Amino acid sequence: MASFMGFFLTVFLAFVLNSSATEFQVGDDFGWQQPGSNNSAVYSNWASNNRFHVGDSLSFKYKNDSVLQVDKWGYYHCNTSHPIIAFDNGKSIMKLDRSGPFYFISGVPDHCKNGQLLVVEVMEPHPISQSPQSIADSPEPHLAADSPASSPSLGVVISITPCSLVIALLVTSLALVCSAP
């Protein structure tokens, strides 16, 4: 019975510790500012190096600027006139509460046209599972946010980080020691 409880605690802790949300600082140390003329892709490069899931959040840090969440048209046209949400307090946090694309631009004139714009593609929360594609299946093209593709479930996917593994092993050891006669 004790080994069953230890195993259950190990699996439970590994799952719980890996399901936490992440807060990403936009642009890392560069922050949210107008990029130089030779670095206009700084935000698209930053976004492509990260994975965003529902429940994560973006932290924008800036001075003498603002952040506007806009629709796709506003993003591609650097249109600041109808933002979905506008921030101008120097440190703004945007919760990613759905899957699909989120579009952000600077509210300062010309900053967007000079590269201060960001689109992040948010994935579903760490998926319970997705069916693997067969070799014969071709990859699906990128779909719009309002038409997500879904796959039937084949099982549970659990990723384990070194920290969660150590904690789970300590809890399991403690459970075994406490239950020993």
Protein backbone atom coordinates (compact mmCIF):
# COMPACT_ATOMS: atom_id res chain seq x y z
CA MET A 1 0.00 0.00 0.00
CA ALA A 2 2.82 2.41 0.89
CA SER A 3 4.56 1.88 -2.46
CA PHE A 4 1.29 2.55 -4.28
CA MET A 5 0.86 5.81 -2.34
CA GLY A 6 4.47 6.76 -3.05
CA PHE A 7 4.00 6.12 -6.76
CA PHE A 8 0.75 8.10 -6.76
CA LEU A 9 2.42 11.04 -4.97
CA THR A 10 5.33 10.96 -7.43
CA VAL A 11 3.07 11.09 -10.48
CA PHE A 12 0.79 13.71 -8.90
CA LEU A 13 3.67 16.03 -7.96
CA ALA A 14 5.31 15.67 -11.37
CA PHE A 15 2.02 16.63 -13.03
CA VAL A 16 1.23 19.54 -10.69
CA LEU A 17 4.74 21.01 -10.78
CA ASN A 18 4.75 21.00 -14.58
CA SER A 19 1.30 22.53 -15.05
CA SER A 20 2.22 25.92 -13.62
CA ALA A 21 1.97 29.04 -15.73
CA THR A 22 5.01 31.01 -16.86
CA GLU A 23 5.44 34.78 -16.93
CA PHE A 24 7.56 35.82 -19.91
CA GLN A 25 9.36 39.17 -19.92
CA VAL A 26 8.81 40.48 -23.44
CA GLY A 27 12.13 41.02 -25.19
CA ASP A 28 14.02 39.57 -22.19
CA ASP A 29 16.61 42.16 -21.08
CA PHE A 30 15.86 44.40 -24.08
CA GLY A 31 12.33 44.97 -22.77
CA TRP A 32 9.58 46.73 -24.75
CA GLN A 33 11.15 49.58 -26.70
CA GLN A 34 11.66 50.68 -30.26
CA PRO A 35 14.38 48.48 -31.77
CA GLY A 36 17.29 49.92 -33.71
CA SER A 37 17.13 49.94 -37.50
CA ASN A 38 19.38 46.87 -37.76
CA ASN A 39 17.37 44.94 -35.14
CA SER A 40 13.76 45.34 -36.30
CA ALA A 41 13.05 41.60 -35.93
CA VAL A 42 13.92 41.51 -32.21
CA TYR A 43 10.35 40.71 -31.09
CA SER A 44 9.56 38.15 -33.77
CA ASN A 45 12.85 36.41 -32.94
CA TRP A 46 12.05 36.53 -29.23
CA ALA A 47 8.57 35.07 -29.77
CA SER A 48 9.89 32.27 -31.98
CA ASN A 49 12.30 31.22 -29.22
CA ASN A 50 9.51 30.74 -26.66
CA ARG A 51 6.46 28.51 -26.29
CA PHE A 52 3.33 30.14 -24.94
CA HIS A 53 0.47 28.20 -23.38
CA VAL A 54 -2.97 29.21 -22.12
CA GLY A 55 -2.49 30.50 -18.58
CA ASP A 56 0.95 32.00 -19.21
CA SER A 57 1.39 35.77 -19.16
CA LEU A 58 3.50 38.41 -20.87
CA SER A 59 5.25 41.10 -18.84
CA PHE A 60 5.98 44.31 -20.74
CA LYS A 61 8.54 46.67 -19.17
CA TYR A 62 8.96 50.08 -20.80
CA LYS A 63 9.56 53.80 -20.34
CA ASN A 64 7.85 56.64 -22.23
CA ASP A 65 5.91 54.15 -24.31
CA SER A 66 2.77 52.03 -24.24
CA VAL A 67 1.49 48.61 -25.24
CA LEU A 68 -1.65 48.06 -27.27
CA GLN A 69 -3.27 44.70 -27.85
CA VAL A 70 -4.84 44.94 -31.29
CA ASP A 71 -6.53 42.70 -33.81
CA LYS A 72 -4.73 41.21 -36.80
CA TRP A 73 -5.59 44.15 -39.05
CA GLY A 74 -4.36 46.67 -36.46
CA TYR A 75 -1.13 44.70 -36.15
CA TYR A 76 -0.35 44.57 -39.86
CA HIS A 77 -1.34 48.22 -40.42
CA CYS A 78 0.16 49.58 -37.15
CA ASN A 79 -3.25 51.06 -36.37
CA THR A 80 -3.48 52.45 -32.84
CA SER A 81 -7.00 53.87 -33.11
CA HIS A 82 -9.02 50.85 -31.87
CA PRO A 83 -6.98 48.79 -29.39
CA ILE A 84 -8.54 45.83 -27.62
CA ILE A 85 -6.57 46.78 -24.48
CA ALA A 86 -4.16 49.68 -23.88
CA PHE A 87 -1.44 49.83 -21.22
CA ASP A 88 0.76 52.83 -20.38
CA ASN A 89 1.97 52.31 -16.80
CA GLY A 90 5.55 51.15 -17.49
CA LYS A 91 5.03 47.53 -16.39
CA SER A 92 2.06 45.74 -17.85
CA ILE A 93 1.11 42.10 -17.56
CA MET A 94 -1.11 40.43 -20.12
CA LYS A 95 -2.63 37.06 -19.21
CA LEU A 96 -2.82 34.69 -22.19
CA ASP A 97 -6.31 33.32 -21.55
CA ARG A 98 -7.05 31.53 -24.82
CA SER A 99 -5.25 29.71 -27.58
CA GLY A 100 -4.45 31.41 -30.87
CA PRO A 101 -2.59 34.57 -31.84
CA PHE A 102 -2.25 37.69 -29.67
CA TYR A 103 -1.15 40.88 -31.43
CA PHE A 104 0.67 43.78 -29.72
CA ILE A 105 2.02 47.09 -31.00
CA SER A 106 3.51 50.21 -29.45
CA GLY A 107 1.12 53.11 -28.98
CA VAL A 108 3.85 55.64 -29.82
CA PRO A 109 3.64 56.95 -33.39
CA ASP A 110 6.10 55.26 -35.78
CA HIS A 111 7.45 52.78 -33.19
CA CYS A 112 5.30 50.00 -34.68
CA LYS A 113 6.47 50.79 -38.22
CA ASN A 114 10.05 50.65 -36.93
CA GLY A 115 9.61 47.12 -35.55
CA GLN A 116 8.04 47.50 -32.11
CA LEU A 117 5.31 44.94 -32.66
CA LEU A 118 4.81 41.43 -31.40
CA VAL A 119 2.61 38.48 -32.24
CA VAL A 120 2.58 35.41 -30.00
CA GLU A 121 0.89 32.16 -30.87
CA VAL A 122 -0.62 30.62 -27.74
CA MET A 123 -1.03 26.86 -27.57
CA GLU A 124 -3.60 24.97 -25.55
CA PRO A 125 -2.57 24.27 -21.95
CA HIS A 126 0.05 21.56 -21.83
CA PRO A 127 -1.97 19.06 -23.81
CA ILE A 128 -3.41 16.01 -22.15
CA SER A 129 -2.54 14.34 -25.41
CA GLN A 130 -2.61 14.65 -29.13
CA SER A 131 -2.64 11.82 -31.57
CA PRO A 132 0.67 11.45 -33.39
CA GLN A 133 0.60 11.96 -37.13
CA SER A 134 1.28 8.95 -39.24
CA ILE A 135 4.07 9.17 -41.79
CA ALA A 136 1.45 9.28 -44.53
CA ASP A 137 -0.26 12.32 -43.02
CA SER A 138 0.94 15.66 -44.23
CA PRO A 139 1.26 18.49 -41.70
CA GLU A 140 -1.80 20.68 -41.40
CA PRO A 141 -1.43 24.27 -42.54
CA HIS A 142 -1.53 27.02 -39.91
CA LEU A 143 -5.15 27.61 -38.98
CA ALA A 144 -6.72 30.83 -37.80
CA ALA A 145 -7.45 31.28 -34.09
CA ASP A 146 -11.17 30.93 -34.64
CA SER A 147 -10.86 27.45 -36.19
CA PRO A 148 -8.53 25.32 -34.03
CA ALA A 149 -7.85 21.80 -35.14
CA SER A 150 -8.31 19.05 -32.59
CA SER A 151 -7.05 15.52 -32.48
CA PRO A 152 -8.52 12.55 -30.65
CA SER A 153 -6.83 11.66 -27.38
CA LEU A 154 -4.54 8.63 -27.12
CA GLY A 155 -3.23 9.07 -23.57
CA VAL A 156 -1.67 11.39 -21.05
CA VAL A 157 1.56 13.27 -21.74
CA ILE A 158 3.60 14.21 -18.66
CA SER A 159 6.90 16.07 -18.88
CA ILE A 160 9.22 15.92 -15.90
CA THR A 161 11.78 18.60 -15.05
CA PRO A 162 14.81 17.82 -12.88
CA CYS A 163 13.45 19.93 -10.01
CA SER A 164 10.08 18.19 -9.98
CA LEU A 165 11.78 14.80 -10.17
CA VAL A 166 13.92 15.57 -7.11
CA ILE A 167 10.90 16.81 -5.13
CA ALA A 168 8.85 13.78 -6.15
CA LEU A 169 11.64 11.40 -5.13
CA LEU A 170 12.01 13.14 -1.76
CA VAL A 171 8.26 12.88 -1.10
CA THR A 172 8.27 9.24 -2.16
CA SER A 173 11.23 8.48 0.14
CA LEU A 174 9.53 10.28 3.01
CA ALA A 175 6.31 8.33 2.42
CA LEU A 176 8.23 5.04 2.43
CA VAL A 177 10.15 5.93 5.61
CA CYS A 178 7.02 7.07 7.44
CA SER A 179 5.12 3.94 6.50
CA ALA A 180 7.92 1.50 7.48
CA PRO A 181 7.12 -0.64 10.57
